Amino acid sequence: VLAGAPEAFSGGIDLKDEATWEPIADDVAARERSYRGVRLCRAWEEMPQITVAAIEGMAVGAGVALALACDWRVLARDAFLYVPEVRIGLNLQWGALPRLVTLVGPARAKRITILCERMQAELALDWGLVDELADSGAASSVARRMAGEAAAMPAATVRLMKEAINATAGALHRVSAFADADQSALTRSFSDAIAAREAFRKDRRDASP
């Protein structure tokens, strides 16, 4: 079971950290940084055991990407999912886009990413983005129950089925995920993307006490 704090599963990357916004002159280093998240999510996806994300509060950006790499997702009824990358001139990274499209289809994936629609619990369940809802504070309990049911099944067969299903569903995932690093480099140079990020940073600075 993958869980965060009671108030948030994950708020994504630290946008207050100035290093997040600094350009990387070395193309190799830039690609390497982009691939770290891809490898992290792939490690969770390829884990032989069944993995369940227990989401309380919110999952934002990279937090959503990590949750999508799990086999199942449990979302608290008062929690939400949010992918704001396009709003601040970034692409969705960490190999998350093909997983998202597989779950909800291309049209809904465009709404989630391009329109940056905040996904409340009932809608996330209806769209297939999460598998079960839980009362506030109970996401981990529901996730542990699901994981326990899977653990009670013959382990070797579960592993084979998980591998087969992942291979079928994700046959083209690496083709799309491979573009993450290149898209990241491009969005960091687009003038309108730079302007969007500067506006976001200004709003953050103005809102700071």
C-alpha atoms as a PDB file:
ATOM      1  CA  VAL A   1       0.000   0.000   0.000  1.00  0.00           C
ATOM      2  CA  LEU A   2       1.350   3.408  -1.013  1.00  0.00           C
ATOM      3  CA  ALA A   3       0.029   6.208   1.191  1.00  0.00           C
ATOM      4  CA  GLY A   4       0.952   9.775   2.033  1.00  0.00           C
ATOM      5  CA  ALA A   5       0.035  12.090   4.879  1.00  0.00           C
ATOM      6  CA  PRO A   6      -3.577  12.453   6.108  1.00  0.00           C
ATOM      7  CA  GLU A   7      -3.862  15.881   4.495  1.00  0.00           C
ATOM      8  CA  ALA A   8      -2.258  14.936   1.166  1.00  0.00           C
ATOM      9  CA  PHE A   9      -1.156  11.842  -0.714  1.00  0.00           C
ATOM     10  CA  SER A  10       1.311  14.029  -2.612  1.00  0.00           C
ATOM     11  CA  GLY A  11       1.382  17.653  -3.662  1.00  0.00           C
ATOM     12  CA  GLY A  12       3.744  16.858  -6.542  1.00  0.00           C
ATOM     13  CA  ILE A  13       7.099  18.501  -7.106  1.00  0.00           C
ATOM     14  CA  ASP A  14       8.088  21.406  -4.873  1.00  0.00           C
ATOM     15  CA  LEU A  15       7.159  24.439  -6.951  1.00  0.00           C
ATOM     16  CA  LYS A  16       8.486  26.762  -4.240  1.00  0.00           C
ATOM     17  CA  ASP A  17      11.991  25.440  -4.792  1.00  0.00           C
ATOM     18  CA  GLU A  18      13.775  27.816  -7.151  1.00  0.00           C
ATOM     19  CA  ALA A  19      15.878  24.923  -8.454  1.00  0.00           C
ATOM     20  CA  THR A  20      12.702  23.477  -9.966  1.00  0.00           C
ATOM     21  CA  TRP A  21      12.531  26.380 -12.382  1.00  0.00           C
ATOM     22  CA  GLU A  22      16.182  26.714 -13.251  1.00  0.00           C
ATOM     23  CA  PRO A  23      17.028  25.710 -16.844  1.00  0.00           C
ATOM     24  CA  ILE A  24      19.478  22.868 -17.321  1.00  0.00           C
ATOM     25  CA  ALA A  25      22.058  23.740 -19.951  1.00  0.00           C
ATOM     26  CA  ASP A  26      23.341  20.188 -20.259  1.00  0.00           C
ATOM     27  CA  ASP A  27      20.923  18.228 -22.465  1.00  0.00           C
ATOM     28  CA  VAL A  28      22.091  14.899 -21.059  1.00  0.00           C
ATOM     29  CA  ALA A  29      21.514  16.083 -17.484  1.00  0.00           C
ATOM     30  CA  ALA A  30      18.080  17.427 -18.431  1.00  0.00           C
ATOM     31  CA  ARG A  31      17.034  14.096 -19.904  1.00  0.00           C
ATOM     32  CA  GLU A  32      18.409  12.225 -16.917  1.00  0.00           C
ATOM     33  CA  ARG A  33      16.350  14.330 -14.515  1.00  0.00           C
ATOM     34  CA  SER A  34      13.215  13.654 -16.536  1.00  0.00           C
ATOM     35  CA  TYR A  35      13.862   9.912 -16.547  1.00  0.00           C
ATOM     36  CA  ARG A  36      14.129   9.665 -12.758  1.00  0.00           C
ATOM     37  CA  GLY A  37      10.379   9.889 -12.359  1.00  0.00           C
ATOM     38  CA  VAL A  38       9.821   7.493 -15.247  1.00  0.00           C
ATOM     39  CA  ARG A  39      12.018   4.891 -13.566  1.00  0.00           C
ATOM     40  CA  LEU A  40      10.351   5.433 -10.185  1.00  0.00           C
ATOM     41  CA  CYS A  41       6.868   4.867 -11.580  1.00  0.00           C
ATOM     42  CA  ARG A  42       8.017   1.930 -13.675  1.00  0.00           C
ATOM     43  CA  ALA A  43       9.482   0.297 -10.557  1.00  0.00           C
ATOM     44  CA  TRP A  44       6.108   0.506  -8.822  1.00  0.00           C
ATOM     45  CA  GLU A  45       4.277  -0.706 -11.909  1.00  0.00           C
ATOM     46  CA  GLU A  46       6.576  -3.700 -12.386  1.00  0.00           C
ATOM     47  CA  MET A  47       6.651  -4.749  -8.730  1.00  0.00           C
ATOM     48  CA  PRO A  48       5.496  -8.391  -8.600  1.00  0.00           C
ATOM     49  CA  GLN A  49       3.121  -7.714  -5.717  1.00  0.00           C
ATOM     50  CA  ILE A  50      -0.210  -5.976  -6.184  1.00  0.00           C
ATOM     51  CA  THR A  51       0.140  -2.289  -5.290  1.00  0.00           C
ATOM     52  CA  VAL A  52      -2.646  -0.028  -4.052  1.00  0.00           C
ATOM     53  CA  ALA A  53      -2.458   3.766  -3.712  1.00  0.00           C
ATOM     54  CA  ALA A  54      -4.399   5.123  -0.728  1.00  0.00           C
ATOM     55  CA  ILE A  55      -5.171   8.768  -1.481  1.00  0.00           C
ATOM     56  CA  GLU A  56      -6.281  11.199   1.212  1.00  0.00           C
ATOM     57  CA  GLY A  57      -6.598  14.948   0.763  1.00  0.00           C
ATOM     58  CA  MET A  58      -5.151  15.418  -2.687  1.00  0.00           C
ATOM     59  CA  ALA A  59      -2.830  14.002  -5.300  1.00  0.00           C
ATOM     60  CA  VAL A  60      -1.334  16.648  -7.577  1.00  0.00           C
ATOM     61  CA  GLY A  61       0.901  16.389 -10.648  1.00  0.00           C
ATOM     62  CA  ALA A  62       3.680  13.917  -9.961  1.00  0.00           C
ATOM     63  CA  GLY A  63       1.564  12.509  -7.131  1.00  0.00           C
ATOM     64  CA  VAL A  64      -1.075  11.530  -9.679  1.00  0.00           C
ATOM     65  CA  ALA A  65       1.637  10.014 -11.875  1.00  0.00           C
ATOM     66  CA  LEU A  66       2.825   7.846  -8.993  1.00  0.00           C
ATOM     67  CA  ALA A  67      -0.717   6.761  -8.121  1.00  0.00           C
ATOM     68  CA  LEU A  68      -1.348   5.788 -11.752  1.00  0.00           C
ATOM     69  CA  ALA A  69       1.648   3.447 -11.594  1.00  0.00           C
ATOM     70  CA  CYS A  70      -0.084   1.397  -8.886  1.00  0.00           C
ATOM     71  CA  ASP A  71      -2.443  -1.445  -9.746  1.00  0.00           C
ATOM     72  CA  TRP A  72      -5.411   0.064  -7.902  1.00  0.00           C
ATOM     73  CA  ARG A  73      -6.288   3.412  -6.392  1.00  0.00           C
ATOM     74  CA  VAL A  74      -8.499   4.172  -3.394  1.00  0.00           C
ATOM     75  CA  LEU A  75      -9.611   7.792  -3.046  1.00  0.00           C
ATOM     76  CA  ALA A  76     -11.145   9.394   0.037  1.00  0.00           C
ATOM     77  CA  ARG A  77     -14.537  10.918  -0.698  1.00  0.00           C
ATOM     78  CA  ASP A  78     -13.352  14.405   0.221  1.00  0.00           C
ATOM     79  CA  ALA A  79     -10.088  14.117  -1.739  1.00  0.00           C
ATOM     80  CA  PHE A  80      -9.299  15.182  -5.294  1.00  0.00           C
ATOM     81  CA  LEU A  81      -6.845  14.597  -8.137  1.00  0.00           C
ATOM     82  CA  TYR A  82      -5.337  17.487 -10.070  1.00  0.00           C
ATOM     83  CA  VAL A  83      -2.888  17.669 -12.978  1.00  0.00           C
ATOM     84  CA  PRO A  84      -1.920  21.366 -13.374  1.00  0.00           C
ATOM     85  CA  GLU A  85       1.180  20.943 -15.534  1.00  0.00           C
ATOM     86  CA  VAL A  86      -0.187  22.509 -18.730  1.00  0.00           C
ATOM     87  CA  ARG A  87      -1.427  25.539 -16.780  1.00  0.00           C
ATOM     88  CA  ILE A  88       2.176  26.314 -15.810  1.00  0.00           C
ATOM     89  CA  GLY A  89       3.631  25.446 -19.196  1.00  0.00           C
ATOM     90  CA  LEU A  90       4.874  21.931 -18.461  1.00  0.00           C
ATOM     91  CA  ASN A  91       4.112  18.558 -20.000  1.00  0.00           C
ATOM     92  CA  LEU A  92       2.823  15.617 -17.980  1.00  0.00           C
ATOM     93  CA  GLN A  93       5.901  13.530 -17.222  1.00  0.00           C
ATOM     94  CA  TRP A  94       6.988  10.382 -15.380  1.00  0.00           C
ATOM     95  CA  GLY A  95       5.425   8.172 -18.064  1.00  0.00           C
ATOM     96  CA  ALA A  96       1.973   9.051 -16.720  1.00  0.00           C
ATOM     97  CA  LEU A  97       0.223  10.030 -19.942  1.00  0.00           C
ATOM     98  CA  PRO A  98      -0.127   6.553 -21.510  1.00  0.00           C
ATOM     99  CA  ARG A  99      -1.375   5.153 -18.188  1.00  0.00           C
ATOM    100  CA  LEU A 100      -3.923   7.946 -17.949  1.00  0.00           C
ATOM    101  CA  VAL A 101      -5.152   7.412 -21.517  1.00  0.00           C
ATOM    102  CA  THR A 102      -5.461   3.666 -20.890  1.00  0.00           C
ATOM    103  CA  LEU A 103      -7.669   4.290 -17.856  1.00  0.00           C
ATOM    104  CA  VAL A 104      -9.966   7.071 -19.045  1.00  0.00           C
ATOM    105  CA  GLY A 105      -9.581   7.293 -22.837  1.00  0.00           C
ATOM    106  CA  PRO A 106      -8.139  10.104 -24.965  1.00  0.00           C
ATOM    107  CA  ALA A 107     -10.969  12.661 -24.681  1.00  0.00           C
ATOM    108  CA  ARG A 108     -11.114  12.553 -20.894  1.00  0.00           C
ATOM    109  CA  ALA A 109      -7.322  12.496 -20.664  1.00  0.00           C
ATOM    110  CA  LYS A 110      -7.315  15.754 -22.643  1.00  0.00           C
ATOM    111  CA  ARG A 111      -9.817  17.309 -20.247  1.00  0.00           C
ATOM    112  CA  ILE A 112      -7.760  16.280 -17.229  1.00  0.00           C
ATOM    113  CA  THR A 113      -4.460  17.506 -18.672  1.00  0.00           C
ATOM    114  CA  ILE A 114      -5.255  20.338 -21.099  1.00  0.00           C
ATOM    115  CA  LEU A 115      -8.171  21.897 -19.196  1.00  0.00           C
ATOM    116  CA  CYS A 116      -6.553  21.016 -15.845  1.00  0.00           C
ATOM    117  CA  GLU A 117      -9.917  19.880 -14.477  1.00  0.00           C
ATOM    118  CA  ARG A 118      -9.800  19.033 -10.788  1.00  0.00           C
ATOM    119  CA  MET A 119     -11.183  15.533 -10.342  1.00  0.00           C
ATOM    120  CA  GLN A 120     -13.435  15.141  -7.322  1.00  0.00           C
ATOM    121  CA  ALA A 121     -13.945  11.659  -5.918  1.00  0.00           C
ATOM    122  CA  GLU A 122     -17.261  10.662  -7.493  1.00  0.00           C
ATOM    123  CA  LEU A 123     -16.201  11.813 -10.962  1.00  0.00           C
ATOM    124  CA  ALA A 124     -12.814  10.109 -10.636  1.00  0.00           C
ATOM    125  CA  LEU A 125     -14.589   6.842  -9.802  1.00  0.00           C
ATOM    126  CA  ASP A 126     -17.102   7.262 -12.624  1.00  0.00           C
ATOM    127  CA  TRP A 127     -14.301   7.867 -15.137  1.00  0.00           C
ATOM    128  CA  GLY A 128     -12.307   4.863 -13.950  1.00  0.00           C
ATOM    129  CA  LEU A 129      -9.421   6.911 -12.633  1.00  0.00           C
ATOM    130  CA  VAL A 130      -9.801   5.294  -9.208  1.00  0.00           C
ATOM    131  CA  ASP A 131     -11.171   1.902  -8.219  1.00  0.00           C
ATOM    132  CA  GLU A 132     -12.858   2.491  -4.870  1.00  0.00           C
ATOM    133  CA  LEU A 133     -13.909   5.378  -2.669  1.00  0.00           C
ATOM    134  CA  ALA A 134     -13.449   5.488   1.082  1.00  0.00           C
ATOM    135  CA  ASP A 135     -14.659   7.670   3.903  1.00  0.00           C
ATOM    136  CA  SER A 136     -12.270  10.424   4.916  1.00  0.00           C
ATOM    137  CA  GLY A 137      -9.361   8.909   6.818  1.00  0.00           C
ATOM    138  CA  ALA A 138     -10.200   5.361   5.719  1.00  0.00           C
ATOM    139  CA  ALA A 139      -8.411   5.135   2.356  1.00  0.00           C
ATOM    140  CA  SER A 140      -5.498   3.163   3.825  1.00  0.00           C
ATOM    141  CA  SER A 141      -7.857   0.699   5.522  1.00  0.00           C
ATOM    142  CA  VAL A 142      -9.718   0.042   2.278  1.00  0.00           C
ATOM    143  CA  ALA A 143      -6.429  -0.224   0.375  1.00  0.00           C
ATOM    144  CA  ARG A 144      -5.060  -2.733   2.899  1.00  0.00           C
ATOM    145  CA  ARG A 145      -8.226  -4.805   2.573  1.00  0.00           C
ATOM    146  CA  MET A 146      -7.846  -4.911  -1.202  1.00  0.00           C
ATOM    147  CA  ALA A 147      -4.146  -5.728  -0.942  1.00  0.00           C
ATOM    148  CA  GLY A 148      -4.920  -8.447   1.596  1.00  0.00           C
ATOM    149  CA  GLU A 149      -7.463 -10.053  -0.715  1.00  0.00           C
ATOM    150  CA  ALA A 150      -4.874 -10.114  -3.497  1.00  0.00           C
ATOM    151  CA  ALA A 151      -2.200 -11.472  -1.142  1.00  0.00           C
ATOM    152  CA  ALA A 152      -4.496 -14.370  -0.228  1.00  0.00           C
ATOM    153  CA  MET A 153      -4.453 -15.569  -3.842  1.00  0.00           C
ATOM    154  CA  PRO A 154      -1.718 -17.904  -5.192  1.00  0.00           C
ATOM    155  CA  ALA A 155       1.271 -15.544  -5.440  1.00  0.00           C
ATOM    156  CA  ALA A 156       2.903 -17.026  -8.537  1.00  0.00           C
ATOM    157  CA  THR A 157      -0.334 -16.931 -10.518  1.00  0.00           C
ATOM    158  CA  VAL A 158      -1.087 -13.390  -9.380  1.00  0.00           C
ATOM    159  CA  ARG A 159       2.342 -12.318 -10.576  1.00  0.00           C
ATOM    160  CA  LEU A 160       1.850 -13.953 -13.978  1.00  0.00           C
ATOM    161  CA  MET A 161      -1.575 -12.361 -14.404  1.00  0.00           C
ATOM    162  CA  LYS A 162      -0.280  -8.936 -13.406  1.00  0.00           C
ATOM    163  CA  GLU A 163       2.603  -9.218 -15.876  1.00  0.00           C
ATOM    164  CA  ALA A 164       0.272 -10.327 -18.679  1.00  0.00           C
ATOM    165  CA  ILE A 165      -2.289  -7.591 -18.037  1.00  0.00           C
ATOM    166  CA  ASN A 166       0.381  -4.896 -17.781  1.00  0.00           C
ATOM    167  CA  ALA A 167       2.029  -6.103 -20.983  1.00  0.00           C
ATOM    168  CA  THR A 168      -1.302  -6.045 -22.821  1.00  0.00           C
ATOM    169  CA  ALA A 169      -2.454  -2.669 -21.505  1.00  0.00           C
ATOM    170  CA  GLY A 170       0.928  -1.005 -21.785  1.00  0.00           C
ATOM    171  CA  ALA A 171       2.233  -2.385 -25.063  1.00  0.00           C
ATOM    172  CA  LEU A 172       2.862   1.126 -26.399  1.00  0.00           C
ATOM    173  CA  HIS A 173       3.562   2.870 -23.092  1.00  0.00           C
ATOM    174  CA  ARG A 174       7.304   3.095 -23.484  1.00  0.00           C
ATOM    175  CA  VAL A 175       6.943   4.559 -26.958  1.00  0.00           C
ATOM    176  CA  SER A 176       5.024   7.516 -25.520  1.00  0.00           C
ATOM    177  CA  ALA A 177       6.931   7.747 -22.232  1.00  0.00           C
ATOM    178  CA  PHE A 178      10.172   7.975 -24.206  1.00  0.00           C
ATOM    179  CA  ALA A 179       9.067  11.428 -25.388  1.00  0.00           C
ATOM    180  CA  ASP A 180       8.746  12.792 -21.837  1.00  0.00           C
ATOM    181  CA  ALA A 181      12.299  14.097 -21.662  1.00  0.00           C
ATOM    182  CA  ASP A 182      12.190  15.740 -25.088  1.00  0.00           C
ATOM    183  CA  GLN A 183       8.824  17.365 -24.396  1.00  0.00           C
ATOM    184  CA  SER A 184      10.112  18.619 -21.058  1.00  0.00           C
ATOM    185  CA  ALA A 185      13.084  20.272 -22.742  1.00  0.00           C
ATOM    186  CA  LEU A 186      10.814  21.877 -25.335  1.00  0.00           C
ATOM    187  CA  THR A 187       8.278  23.241 -22.846  1.00  0.00           C
ATOM    188  CA  ARG A 188      11.087  24.842 -20.866  1.00  0.00           C
ATOM    189  CA  SER A 189      11.983  26.901 -23.948  1.00  0.00           C
ATOM    190  CA  PHE A 190       8.513  27.886 -25.257  1.00  0.00           C
ATOM    191  CA  SER A 191       7.893  31.601 -24.732  1.00  0.00           C
ATOM    192  CA  ASP A 192       4.261  31.187 -23.667  1.00  0.00           C
ATOM    193  CA  ALA A 193       5.204  28.362 -21.295  1.00  0.00           C
ATOM    194  CA  ILE A 194       7.902  30.527 -19.727  1.00  0.00           C
ATOM    195  CA  ALA A 195       5.370  33.357 -19.341  1.00  0.00           C
ATOM    196  CA  ALA A 196       2.877  31.000 -17.685  1.00  0.00           C
ATOM    197  CA  ARG A 197       5.474  29.819 -15.193  1.00  0.00           C
ATOM    198  CA  GLU A 198       6.586  33.365 -14.406  1.00  0.00           C
ATOM    199  CA  ALA A 199       2.971  34.382 -13.783  1.00  0.00           C
ATOM    200  CA  PHE A 200       2.533  31.382 -11.491  1.00  0.00           C
ATOM    201  CA  ARG A 201       5.681  32.226  -9.548  1.00  0.00           C
ATOM    202  CA  LYS A 202       4.605  35.870  -9.219  1.00  0.00           C
ATOM    203  CA  ASP A 203       1.220  34.812  -7.860  1.00  0.00           C
ATOM    204  CA  ARG A 204       2.979  32.557  -5.356  1.00  0.00           C
ATOM    205  CA  ARG A 205       5.303  35.365  -4.259  1.00  0.00           C
ATOM    206  CA  ASP A 206       2.433  37.852  -3.944  1.00  0.00           C
ATOM    207  CA  ALA A 207       0.449  35.362  -1.862  1.00  0.00           C
ATOM    208  CA  SER A 208       3.341  34.680   0.509  1.00  0.00           C
ATOM    209  CA  PRO A 209       3.078  36.426   3.899  1.00  0.00           C
END
